[in-house]
Amino acid sequence: MIKTVPFDAVECSNAAPGTGQKYNIAAIDEMRRNHINIAVTGGSDAHIAEFVGKARTYYAGNEGILSLRNALKHGLTKGAEGYWQTSEKLLYYSMVSKAILRSILGRFGGES
């Protein structure tokens, strides 16, 4: 789809610590290998309020939103994951584990 749909950018970093990073790098590598010049961003959202801002989009310029728009237009952005403290990782994986457990219990008629 990336070759046929006119995307403005592709999110390749998000607010999830650890293993997702290898998939983000693989996506960027694949775009570069196929000479797809599209802006790469970090997601500004998160599924848990405490983690908003853990992924970031870097770009050059000092004209605020105009610099961001220009960088996106020319594919000159970089997505990056923020630093995760051990306590934040533990909280994240604890919440993900609980969500998975609730889902499994829900499938088998347990409490959700």
C-alpha atoms as a PDB file:
ATOM      1  CA  MET A   1       0.000   0.000   0.000  1.00  0.00           C
ATOM      2  CA  ILE A   2       2.828   2.392   0.749  1.00  0.00           C
ATOM      3  CA  LYS A   3       3.698   2.573  -2.948  1.00  0.00           C
ATOM      4  CA  THR A   4       0.126   3.304  -4.070  1.00  0.00           C
ATOM      5  CA  VAL A   5      -1.509   5.289  -1.248  1.00  0.00           C
ATOM      6  CA  PRO A   6      -0.191   8.849  -0.735  1.00  0.00           C
ATOM      7  CA  PHE A   7       0.821   8.641   2.935  1.00  0.00           C
ATOM      8  CA  ASP A   8       2.272  11.764   4.555  1.00  0.00           C
ATOM      9  CA  ALA A   9       4.317   9.723   7.003  1.00  0.00           C
ATOM     10  CA  VAL A  10       4.707   6.297   8.580  1.00  0.00           C
ATOM     11  CA  GLU A  11       4.860   5.766  12.327  1.00  0.00           C
ATOM     12  CA  CYS A  12       7.887   3.602  13.002  1.00  0.00           C
ATOM     13  CA  SER A  13       8.340   4.232  16.708  1.00  0.00           C
ATOM     14  CA  ASN A  14       5.656   3.922  19.327  1.00  0.00           C
ATOM     15  CA  ALA A  15       5.134   4.005  23.059  1.00  0.00           C
ATOM     16  CA  ALA A  16       5.933   0.362  23.769  1.00  0.00           C
ATOM     17  CA  PRO A  17       9.271  -0.639  25.271  1.00  0.00           C
ATOM     18  CA  GLY A  18      11.524  -3.327  23.944  1.00  0.00           C
ATOM     19  CA  THR A  19      10.738  -5.877  21.272  1.00  0.00           C
ATOM     20  CA  GLY A  20       8.706  -3.620  18.973  1.00  0.00           C
ATOM     21  CA  GLN A  21      11.862  -1.722  18.083  1.00  0.00           C
ATOM     22  CA  LYS A  22      13.143  -4.481  15.778  1.00  0.00           C
ATOM     23  CA  TYR A  23       9.938  -4.255  13.728  1.00  0.00           C
ATOM     24  CA  ASN A  24      10.239  -0.491  13.547  1.00  0.00           C
ATOM     25  CA  ILE A  25      13.799  -0.763  12.244  1.00  0.00           C
ATOM     26  CA  ALA A  26      12.753  -3.463   9.758  1.00  0.00           C
ATOM     27  CA  ALA A  27       9.992  -1.199   8.384  1.00  0.00           C
ATOM     28  CA  ILE A  28      12.419   1.693   7.920  1.00  0.00           C
ATOM     29  CA  ASP A  29      15.023  -0.571   6.295  1.00  0.00           C
ATOM     30  CA  GLU A  30      12.437  -1.960   3.872  1.00  0.00           C
ATOM     31  CA  MET A  31      11.308   1.530   2.835  1.00  0.00           C
ATOM     32  CA  ARG A  32      14.894   2.614   2.245  1.00  0.00           C
ATOM     33  CA  ARG A  33      15.692  -0.583   0.298  1.00  0.00           C
ATOM     34  CA  ASN A  34      12.739   0.145  -1.985  1.00  0.00           C
ATOM     35  CA  HIS A  35      13.703   3.837  -2.349  1.00  0.00           C
ATOM     36  CA  ILE A  36      10.524   5.015  -0.650  1.00  0.00           C
ATOM     37  CA  ASN A  37      11.237   8.514   0.621  1.00  0.00           C
ATOM     38  CA  ILE A  38       8.558   9.104   3.207  1.00  0.00           C
ATOM     39  CA  ALA A  39       8.697  10.783   6.576  1.00  0.00           C
ATOM     40  CA  VAL A  40       9.167   8.473   9.556  1.00  0.00           C
ATOM     41  CA  THR A  41       7.564   9.491  12.827  1.00  0.00           C
ATOM     42  CA  GLY A  42       7.289   8.517  16.453  1.00  0.00           C
ATOM     43  CA  GLY A  43       3.753   8.047  17.726  1.00  0.00           C
ATOM     44  CA  SER A  44       2.500  10.775  20.006  1.00  0.00           C
ATOM     45  CA  ASP A  45      -0.244   8.615  21.462  1.00  0.00           C
ATOM     46  CA  ALA A  46      -0.136   5.798  23.990  1.00  0.00           C
ATOM     47  CA  HIS A  47      -2.613   3.294  25.356  1.00  0.00           C
ATOM     48  CA  ILE A  48      -1.623   4.254  28.896  1.00  0.00           C
ATOM     49  CA  ALA A  49      -1.614   7.925  29.930  1.00  0.00           C
ATOM     50  CA  GLU A  50       1.710   7.660  31.784  1.00  0.00           C
ATOM     51  CA  PHE A  51       3.463   6.761  28.525  1.00  0.00           C
ATOM     52  CA  VAL A  52       2.318   9.626  26.311  1.00  0.00           C
ATOM     53  CA  GLY A  53       5.446  11.157  24.809  1.00  0.00           C
ATOM     54  CA  LYS A  54       7.626   8.030  25.073  1.00  0.00           C
ATOM     55  CA  ALA A  55       7.895   7.992  21.273  1.00  0.00           C
ATOM     56  CA  ARG A  56       9.025  11.172  19.560  1.00  0.00           C
ATOM     57  CA  THR A  57       9.446  12.713  16.134  1.00  0.00           C
ATOM     58  CA  TYR A  58      12.643  14.650  15.532  1.00  0.00           C
ATOM     59  CA  TYR A  59      13.045  17.263  12.803  1.00  0.00           C
ATOM     60  CA  ALA A  60      15.262  20.237  12.036  1.00  0.00           C
ATOM     61  CA  GLY A  61      14.208  23.852  12.179  1.00  0.00           C
ATOM     62  CA  ASN A  62      13.154  26.525  14.607  1.00  0.00           C
ATOM     63  CA  GLU A  63       9.851  27.619  13.078  1.00  0.00           C
ATOM     64  CA  GLY A  64       7.648  25.264  15.087  1.00  0.00           C
ATOM     65  CA  ILE A  65       4.831  23.654  13.135  1.00  0.00           C
ATOM     66  CA  LEU A  66       6.123  25.083   9.851  1.00  0.00           C
ATOM     67  CA  SER A  67       9.431  23.271  10.333  1.00  0.00           C
ATOM     68  CA  LEU A  68       7.577  20.057  11.149  1.00  0.00           C
ATOM     69  CA  ARG A  69       5.362  20.398   8.065  1.00  0.00           C
ATOM     70  CA  ASN A  70       8.380  21.010   5.829  1.00  0.00           C
ATOM     71  CA  ALA A  71      10.276  18.047   7.297  1.00  0.00           C
ATOM     72  CA  LEU A  72       7.254  15.766   6.829  1.00  0.00           C
ATOM     73  CA  LYS A  73       6.767  16.965   3.256  1.00  0.00           C
ATOM     74  CA  HIS A  74      10.373  16.155   2.336  1.00  0.00           C
ATOM     75  CA  GLY A  75      10.729  12.949   4.366  1.00  0.00           C
ATOM     76  CA  LEU A  76      13.251  14.494   6.743  1.00  0.00           C
ATOM     77  CA  THR A  77      11.938  13.306  10.083  1.00  0.00           C
ATOM     78  CA  LYS A  78      13.112  10.606  12.450  1.00  0.00           C
ATOM     79  CA  GLY A  79      11.027   8.618  14.894  1.00  0.00           C
ATOM     80  CA  ALA A  80      12.627   7.562  18.155  1.00  0.00           C
ATOM     81  CA  GLU A  81      11.668   5.794  21.336  1.00  0.00           C
ATOM     82  CA  GLY A  82      12.195   7.645  24.586  1.00  0.00           C
ATOM     83  CA  TYR A  83      14.124   6.259  27.545  1.00  0.00           C
ATOM     84  CA  TRP A  84      12.215   3.738  29.646  1.00  0.00           C
ATOM     85  CA  GLN A  85      13.021   3.442  33.328  1.00  0.00           C
ATOM     86  CA  THR A  86      12.850  -0.081  34.740  1.00  0.00           C
ATOM     87  CA  SER A  87       9.824   0.855  36.857  1.00  0.00           C
ATOM     88  CA  GLU A  88       8.021   2.107  33.730  1.00  0.00           C
ATOM     89  CA  LYS A  89       8.766  -1.112  31.851  1.00  0.00           C
ATOM     90  CA  LEU A  90       7.472  -3.159  34.783  1.00  0.00           C
ATOM     91  CA  LEU A  91       4.279  -1.094  34.887  1.00  0.00           C
ATOM     92  CA  TYR A  92       3.805  -1.411  31.132  1.00  0.00           C
ATOM     93  CA  TYR A  93       4.290  -5.182  31.037  1.00  0.00           C
ATOM     94  CA  SER A  94       2.154  -5.635  34.134  1.00  0.00           C
ATOM     95  CA  MET A  95      -0.715  -3.791  32.450  1.00  0.00           C
ATOM     96  CA  VAL A  96      -0.274  -5.716  29.178  1.00  0.00           C
ATOM     97  CA  SER A  97      -0.196  -9.042  31.070  1.00  0.00           C
ATOM     98  CA  LYS A  98      -3.403  -8.169  32.919  1.00  0.00           C
ATOM     99  CA  ALA A  99      -5.114  -7.217  29.654  1.00  0.00           C
ATOM    100  CA  ILE A 100      -4.070 -10.518  28.045  1.00  0.00           C
ATOM    101  CA  LEU A 101      -5.282 -12.488  31.059  1.00  0.00           C
ATOM    102  CA  ARG A 102      -8.656 -10.660  31.017  1.00  0.00           C
ATOM    103  CA  SER A 103      -8.993 -11.482  27.320  1.00  0.00           C
ATOM    104  CA  ILE A 104      -8.230 -15.160  27.862  1.00  0.00           C
ATOM    105  CA  LEU A 105     -10.615 -15.426  30.798  1.00  0.00           C
ATOM    106  CA  GLY A 106     -13.303 -13.655  28.759  1.00  0.00           C
ATOM    107  CA  ARG A 107     -13.049 -16.268  25.995  1.00  0.00           C
ATOM    108  CA  PHE A 108     -13.614 -19.095  28.447  1.00  0.00           C
ATOM    109  CA  GLY A 109     -16.511 -17.472  30.267  1.00  0.00           C
ATOM    110  CA  GLY A 110     -14.464 -16.230  33.196  1.00  0.00           C
ATOM    111  CA  GLU A 111     -14.752 -12.823  34.734  1.00  0.00           C
ATOM    112  CA  SER A 112     -13.440  -9.909  32.710  1.00  0.00           C
END
